[in-house]
């Protein structure tokens, strides 16, 4: 029985150590240099904006979420196991609680990391755009007409139903 408890405690410890791995933030969006911007200037912008975004994203607390959930799960599992099955039940409950708590904590940590990555990307894109670089979704003007389209000939009539003000617009006062 003692070797079983030792294995459970070792597994819980390994799960806790694995859960505290650092999450490295980096841009997950592609940014291109602005028109006529030299590469070395773009790289300086990139470095400055990464540093800015890192400060805006906030601290990574996902590892503590996993560890805290695993500890709570282990304690609850051991308590329930002891209440229902004595000493062996406590060991089984502790093992099951550690696994369940770690699983719950890993899910919560993934949510935190996703939110933190979004904050990082938003700050990075805003910074790079403010420095004149091309970022996804930023319009550089109106879109060109579709291929093969021709402008209307001079003096042509608009399509039926498009003349005059939109429906429900009051008529202009007569003079």
C-alpha atoms as a PDB file:
ATOM      1  CA  UNK A   1       0.000   0.000   0.000  1.00  0.00           C
ATOM      2  CA  UNK A   2       2.831   2.363   0.807  1.00  0.00           C
ATOM      3  CA  UNK A   3       4.292   1.967  -2.687  1.00  0.00           C
ATOM      4  CA  UNK A   4       0.881   2.793  -4.170  1.00  0.00           C
ATOM      5  CA  UNK A   5       0.679   6.019  -2.163  1.00  0.00           C
ATOM      6  CA  UNK A   6       4.252   6.858  -3.146  1.00  0.00           C
ATOM      7  CA  UNK A   7       3.395   6.435  -6.832  1.00  0.00           C
ATOM      8  CA  UNK A   8       0.329   8.658  -6.525  1.00  0.00           C
ATOM      9  CA  UNK A   9       2.319  11.389  -4.773  1.00  0.00           C
ATOM     10  CA  UNK A  10       5.072  11.129  -7.407  1.00  0.00           C
ATOM     11  CA  UNK A  11       2.531  11.418 -10.241  1.00  0.00           C
ATOM     12  CA  UNK A  12       0.908  14.453  -8.624  1.00  0.00           C
ATOM     13  CA  UNK A  13       4.330  16.063  -8.200  1.00  0.00           C
ATOM     14  CA  UNK A  14       5.235  15.426 -11.826  1.00  0.00           C
ATOM     15  CA  UNK A  15       1.936  16.922 -12.973  1.00  0.00           C
ATOM     16  CA  UNK A  16       2.544  20.013 -10.867  1.00  0.00           C
ATOM     17  CA  UNK A  17       6.065  20.490 -12.209  1.00  0.00           C
ATOM     18  CA  UNK A  18       4.923  20.048 -15.792  1.00  0.00           C
ATOM     19  CA  UNK A  19       2.130  22.550 -15.311  1.00  0.00           C
ATOM     20  CA  UNK A  20       4.448  25.388 -14.399  1.00  0.00           C
ATOM     21  CA  UNK A  21       6.129  25.608 -17.807  1.00  0.00           C
ATOM     22  CA  UNK A  22       6.512  29.188 -18.976  1.00  0.00           C
ATOM     23  CA  UNK A  23       4.299  30.482 -21.780  1.00  0.00           C
ATOM     24  CA  UNK A  24       6.307  32.568 -24.229  1.00  0.00           C
ATOM     25  CA  UNK A  25       4.277  35.298 -25.892  1.00  0.00           C
ATOM     26  CA  UNK A  26       5.064  36.266 -29.466  1.00  0.00           C
ATOM     27  CA  UNK A  27       3.019  37.890 -32.220  1.00  0.00           C
ATOM     28  CA  UNK A  28       0.636  35.495 -33.943  1.00  0.00           C
ATOM     29  CA  UNK A  29      -0.214  38.004 -36.672  1.00  0.00           C
ATOM     30  CA  UNK A  30       1.806  38.862 -39.755  1.00  0.00           C
ATOM     31  CA  UNK A  31       2.868  42.482 -40.128  1.00  0.00           C
ATOM     32  CA  UNK A  32       4.661  43.833 -43.182  1.00  0.00           C
ATOM     33  CA  UNK A  33       6.929  46.890 -43.399  1.00  0.00           C
ATOM     34  CA  UNK A  34       5.308  50.124 -44.487  1.00  0.00           C
ATOM     35  CA  UNK A  35       5.857  51.427 -48.002  1.00  0.00           C
ATOM     36  CA  UNK A  36       9.530  52.272 -48.613  1.00  0.00           C
ATOM     37  CA  UNK A  37      10.475  51.391 -45.016  1.00  0.00           C
ATOM     38  CA  UNK A  38      13.974  49.846 -44.713  1.00  0.00           C
ATOM     39  CA  UNK A  39      14.224  46.421 -43.078  1.00  0.00           C
ATOM     40  CA  UNK A  40      16.399  47.637 -40.200  1.00  0.00           C
ATOM     41  CA  UNK A  41      13.805  50.283 -39.261  1.00  0.00           C
ATOM     42  CA  UNK A  42      11.053  47.655 -39.446  1.00  0.00           C
ATOM     43  CA  UNK A  43      13.069  45.376 -37.145  1.00  0.00           C
ATOM     44  CA  UNK A  44      13.475  48.229 -34.647  1.00  0.00           C
ATOM     45  CA  UNK A  45       9.708  48.829 -34.761  1.00  0.00           C
ATOM     46  CA  UNK A  46       9.134  45.108 -34.217  1.00  0.00           C
ATOM     47  CA  UNK A  47      11.422  44.965 -31.167  1.00  0.00           C
ATOM     48  CA  UNK A  48       9.868  48.065 -29.607  1.00  0.00           C
ATOM     49  CA  UNK A  49       6.318  46.826 -30.243  1.00  0.00           C
ATOM     50  CA  UNK A  50       7.059  43.376 -28.825  1.00  0.00           C
ATOM     51  CA  UNK A  51       8.293  45.013 -25.646  1.00  0.00           C
ATOM     52  CA  UNK A  52       5.222  47.268 -25.523  1.00  0.00           C
ATOM     53  CA  UNK A  53       2.842  44.348 -26.131  1.00  0.00           C
ATOM     54  CA  UNK A  54       4.556  42.250 -23.474  1.00  0.00           C
ATOM     55  CA  UNK A  55       3.860  44.969 -20.910  1.00  0.00           C
ATOM     56  CA  UNK A  56       0.231  45.286 -22.026  1.00  0.00           C
ATOM     57  CA  UNK A  57      -0.525  41.535 -21.926  1.00  0.00           C
ATOM     58  CA  UNK A  58      -0.011  41.258 -18.180  1.00  0.00           C
ATOM     59  CA  UNK A  59       1.659  38.523 -16.115  1.00  0.00           C
ATOM     60  CA  UNK A  60       1.265  34.824 -16.938  1.00  0.00           C
ATOM     61  CA  UNK A  61      -0.602  33.182 -14.068  1.00  0.00           C
ATOM     62  CA  UNK A  62      -1.632  30.008 -15.872  1.00  0.00           C
ATOM     63  CA  UNK A  63       0.911  27.807 -14.057  1.00  0.00           C
ATOM     64  CA  UNK A  64      -0.432  28.800 -10.653  1.00  0.00           C
ATOM     65  CA  UNK A  65      -3.961  27.988 -11.847  1.00  0.00           C
ATOM     66  CA  UNK A  66      -2.969  24.417 -12.733  1.00  0.00           C
ATOM     67  CA  UNK A  67      -1.000  23.933  -9.526  1.00  0.00           C
ATOM     68  CA  UNK A  68      -3.768  25.326  -7.341  1.00  0.00           C
ATOM     69  CA  UNK A  69      -6.407  23.138  -8.975  1.00  0.00           C
ATOM     70  CA  UNK A  70      -4.239  20.034  -8.627  1.00  0.00           C
ATOM     71  CA  UNK A  71      -3.632  20.706  -4.938  1.00  0.00           C
ATOM     72  CA  UNK A  72      -7.313  21.336  -4.232  1.00  0.00           C
ATOM     73  CA  UNK A  73      -8.269  18.232  -6.229  1.00  0.00           C
ATOM     74  CA  UNK A  74      -5.758  16.091  -4.328  1.00  0.00           C
ATOM     75  CA  UNK A  75      -6.986  17.287  -0.947  1.00  0.00           C
ATOM     76  CA  UNK A  76     -10.659  16.875  -1.819  1.00  0.00           C
ATOM     77  CA  UNK A  77     -10.023  13.441  -3.328  1.00  0.00           C
ATOM     78  CA  UNK A  78      -8.071  12.286  -0.284  1.00  0.00           C
ATOM     79  CA  UNK A  79     -10.771  13.528   2.060  1.00  0.00           C
ATOM     80  CA  UNK A  80     -13.576  11.843   0.149  1.00  0.00           C
ATOM     81  CA  UNK A  81     -11.545   8.665  -0.289  1.00  0.00           C
ATOM     82  CA  UNK A  82     -10.790   8.499   3.445  1.00  0.00           C
ATOM     83  CA  UNK A  83     -14.425   9.084   4.325  1.00  0.00           C
ATOM     84  CA  UNK A  84     -15.628   6.247   2.106  1.00  0.00           C
ATOM     85  CA  UNK A  85     -12.744   3.798   1.961  1.00  0.00           C
ATOM     86  CA  UNK A  86     -10.321   4.372   4.835  1.00  0.00           C
ATOM     87  CA  UNK A  87      -6.570   4.608   4.239  1.00  0.00           C
ATOM     88  CA  UNK A  88      -6.505   2.899   0.847  1.00  0.00           C
ATOM     89  CA  UNK A  89      -9.517   4.969  -0.243  1.00  0.00           C
ATOM     90  CA  UNK A  90      -7.651   8.131   0.722  1.00  0.00           C
ATOM     91  CA  UNK A  91      -4.745   7.187  -1.528  1.00  0.00           C
ATOM     92  CA  UNK A  92      -7.027   6.331  -4.435  1.00  0.00           C
ATOM     93  CA  UNK A  93      -9.048   9.510  -3.871  1.00  0.00           C
ATOM     94  CA  UNK A  94      -5.900  11.615  -3.711  1.00  0.00           C
ATOM     95  CA  UNK A  95      -4.681  10.177  -7.014  1.00  0.00           C
ATOM     96  CA  UNK A  96      -8.026  10.660  -8.723  1.00  0.00           C
ATOM     97  CA  UNK A  97      -8.348  14.159  -7.288  1.00  0.00           C
ATOM     98  CA  UNK A  98      -4.872  15.099  -8.482  1.00  0.00           C
ATOM     99  CA  UNK A  99      -5.625  13.938 -12.005  1.00  0.00           C
ATOM    100  CA  UNK A 100      -9.064  15.608 -12.108  1.00  0.00           C
ATOM    101  CA  UNK A 101      -7.779  18.821 -10.522  1.00  0.00           C
ATOM    102  CA  UNK A 102      -4.864  19.015 -12.941  1.00  0.00           C
ATOM    103  CA  UNK A 103      -7.195  18.465 -15.884  1.00  0.00           C
ATOM    104  CA  UNK A 104      -9.508  21.231 -14.704  1.00  0.00           C
ATOM    105  CA  UNK A 105      -6.575  23.540 -14.033  1.00  0.00           C
ATOM    106  CA  UNK A 106      -5.035  22.839 -17.443  1.00  0.00           C
ATOM    107  CA  UNK A 107      -8.287  23.853 -19.133  1.00  0.00           C
ATOM    108  CA  UNK A 108      -8.512  27.057 -17.099  1.00  0.00           C
ATOM    109  CA  UNK A 109      -4.848  27.793 -17.850  1.00  0.00           C
ATOM    110  CA  UNK A 110      -5.422  27.355 -21.584  1.00  0.00           C
ATOM    111  CA  UNK A 111      -8.265  29.882 -21.402  1.00  0.00           C
ATOM    112  CA  UNK A 112      -6.007  32.348 -19.582  1.00  0.00           C
ATOM    113  CA  UNK A 113      -3.218  31.877 -22.112  1.00  0.00           C
ATOM    114  CA  UNK A 114      -5.607  32.425 -25.033  1.00  0.00           C
ATOM    115  CA  UNK A 115      -6.911  35.662 -23.509  1.00  0.00           C
ATOM    116  CA  UNK A 116      -3.376  36.837 -22.757  1.00  0.00           C
ATOM    117  CA  UNK A 117      -2.303  36.076 -26.358  1.00  0.00           C
ATOM    118  CA  UNK A 118      -5.230  38.146 -27.671  1.00  0.00           C
ATOM    119  CA  UNK A 119      -4.225  41.108 -25.482  1.00  0.00           C
ATOM    120  CA  UNK A 120      -0.621  40.754 -26.688  1.00  0.00           C
ATOM    121  CA  UNK A 121      -1.627  40.614 -30.365  1.00  0.00           C
ATOM    122  CA  UNK A 122      -3.950  43.612 -30.044  1.00  0.00           C
ATOM    123  CA  UNK A 123      -1.255  45.748 -28.429  1.00  0.00           C
ATOM    124  CA  UNK A 124       1.380  44.598 -30.950  1.00  0.00           C
ATOM    125  CA  UNK A 125      -0.812  45.349 -33.980  1.00  0.00           C
ATOM    126  CA  UNK A 126      -1.798  48.778 -32.627  1.00  0.00           C
ATOM    127  CA  UNK A 127       1.843  49.656 -32.008  1.00  0.00           C
ATOM    128  CA  UNK A 128       3.039  48.461 -35.414  1.00  0.00           C
ATOM    129  CA  UNK A 129       0.194  50.301 -37.163  1.00  0.00           C
ATOM    130  CA  UNK A 130       1.026  53.509 -35.303  1.00  0.00           C
ATOM    131  CA  UNK A 131       4.600  53.224 -36.625  1.00  0.00           C
ATOM    132  CA  UNK A 132       3.354  53.094 -40.222  1.00  0.00           C
ATOM    133  CA  UNK A 133       3.576  49.354 -40.879  1.00  0.00           C
ATOM    134  CA  UNK A 134       1.013  47.275 -42.768  1.00  0.00           C
ATOM    135  CA  UNK A 135      -1.178  45.214 -40.436  1.00  0.00           C
ATOM    136  CA  UNK A 136      -3.966  42.739 -41.205  1.00  0.00           C
ATOM    137  CA  UNK A 137      -7.402  44.281 -41.549  1.00  0.00           C
ATOM    138  CA  UNK A 138      -6.222  47.879 -41.937  1.00  0.00           C
ATOM    139  CA  UNK A 139      -7.701  49.363 -45.084  1.00  0.00           C
ATOM    140  CA  UNK A 140      -5.343  51.368 -47.203  1.00  0.00           C
ATOM    141  CA  UNK A 141      -8.112  53.027 -49.192  1.00  0.00           C
ATOM    142  CA  UNK A 142     -11.111  51.894 -51.178  1.00  0.00           C
ATOM    143  CA  UNK A 143     -11.033  48.532 -52.896  1.00  0.00           C
ATOM    144  CA  UNK A 144     -10.525  48.522 -56.665  1.00  0.00           C
ATOM    145  CA  UNK A 145     -13.525  47.662 -58.824  1.00  0.00           C
ATOM    146  CA  UNK A 146     -13.938  43.984 -59.681  1.00  0.00           C
ATOM    147  CA  UNK A 147     -12.121  42.826 -62.817  1.00  0.00           C
ATOM    148  CA  UNK A 148     -14.076  43.319 -66.021  1.00  0.00           C
ATOM    149  CA  UNK A 149     -16.401  45.997 -64.647  1.00  0.00           C
ATOM    150  CA  UNK A 150     -16.890  49.119 -66.700  1.00  0.00           C
ATOM    151  CA  UNK A 151     -17.966  52.556 -65.521  1.00  0.00           C
ATOM    152  CA  UNK A 152     -21.468  53.556 -66.649  1.00  0.00           C
ATOM    153  CA  UNK A 153     -21.533  55.420 -69.974  1.00  0.00           C
ATOM    154  CA  UNK A 154     -22.064  59.189 -69.771  1.00  0.00           C
ATOM    155  CA  UNK A 155     -25.739  60.193 -69.658  1.00  0.00           C
ATOM    156  CA  UNK A 156     -26.998  56.719 -68.713  1.00  0.00           C
ATOM    157  CA  UNK A 157     -29.944  56.266 -66.372  1.00  0.00           C
ATOM    158  CA  UNK A 158     -29.589  54.678 -62.907  1.00  0.00           C
ATOM    159  CA  UNK A 159     -31.210  51.239 -62.408  1.00  0.00           C
ATOM    160  CA  UNK A 160     -34.992  51.305 -61.794  1.00  0.00           C
ATOM    161  CA  UNK A 161     -36.008  51.922 -58.205  1.00  0.00           C
ATOM    162  CA  UNK A 162     -32.833  53.813 -57.297  1.00  0.00           C
ATOM    163  CA  UNK A 163     -33.935  57.291 -58.353  1.00  0.00           C
ATOM    164  CA  UNK A 164     -34.742  59.858 -55.717  1.00  0.00           C
ATOM    165  CA  UNK A 165     -34.318  59.783 -51.940  1.00  0.00           C
ATOM    166  CA  UNK A 166     -34.570  56.529 -49.954  1.00  0.00           C
ATOM    167  CA  UNK A 167     -38.078  55.432 -48.906  1.00  0.00           C
ATOM    168  CA  UNK A 168     -39.405  57.216 -45.826  1.00  0.00           C
ATOM    169  CA  UNK A 169     -37.348  60.364 -46.393  1.00  0.00           C
ATOM    170  CA  UNK A 170     -39.508  63.489 -46.170  1.00  0.00           C
ATOM    171  CA  UNK A 171     -39.818  65.500 -49.361  1.00  0.00           C
ATOM    172  CA  UNK A 172     -37.858  68.752 -49.536  1.00  0.00           C
ATOM    173  CA  UNK A 173     -39.917  71.906 -48.977  1.00  0.00           C
ATOM    174  CA  UNK A 174     -41.217  73.469 -52.178  1.00  0.00           C
ATOM    175  CA  UNK A 175     -40.316  77.054 -52.973  1.00  0.00           C
END
